[in-house]
Amino acid sequence: MELDAKAAPARTSSPAALVLILFGILTLGFAVVWAAAVAIHFVWRALNDARNAQNVGRATFVMQVPPESAPPADPTPVAGTATRIAPVTLQGPGGYSVRLPMEDGPVIVHVWLQACADCMPAFEAVRELAARDVQFPCPVVNVAYGQATPEWAAQYGVEKSLVFDPGTALVHPLGIGTFTTVVIDAEGFVRAQEIPTQPGYLERVCAAAEAAGAGDVTVPAEREEK
């Protein structure tokens, strides 16, 4: 008996199957791209956070590390052992300059770093003194470590007599690590180094200036803390 055999037709993919395969490929590709984008985002964010932390850290500790050749000075030198600064001319914006020490008498010098996070409470304290129209008994000079803009300094009342210290004039020789007020007599001796946020700051600064030859000093009463 002869069997009538028919050849089986070739199997072809249906349009629905092709659509499913294409959809799977596109979905997988999207998932890979999305995962890569997420990974890049987190890497970029980590690098950006590290960069910001480095910038903030630089603003807070750059003043705190004097070079080995200039050891920190005693912040409260006693009579007979006071630090003496070397004569120096500091330049400021617009060609303004100041010679320290001043030959005709003592000078009060605010030394600070613009936007220093550790200095901000002291900036606020000095701004409050300016708002109360407190007058110091001798000339006041503002010395910014590195560079500073008068517009920024004006926000805190420290824009007058503004000059810049690269670090070698006062910051490193006196071991200054935050906003510090220095009283320097006519011979260059440091009579006081005070932090504006410390209790009794104003009395001590004015007393040191008077002892250095500033004349009679009337100390405004400090505002009581609530």
Foldseek 3Di string as FASTA:
>chain_A
DDDDDDDDDDDDDDPVVVVVVVVVVVVVVVVVVVVVVVVVVVVVVVVVVVVVVVVLVCLQFVLQDFDPVADADDQADDPPGFDFFDWDWFAAPPRDIDIPPAQVWKEKEWEAEPPNPQAVVLLQLQLVCVVVVDDALDHYAYEYAPHDDLVSSVVSPHNPNYGYDPCPGDRRNNSDRHTWMWMATNRRTTQHIDRSVDPPRQVSNNVSRVVSPSPDDDGDDDDDDD
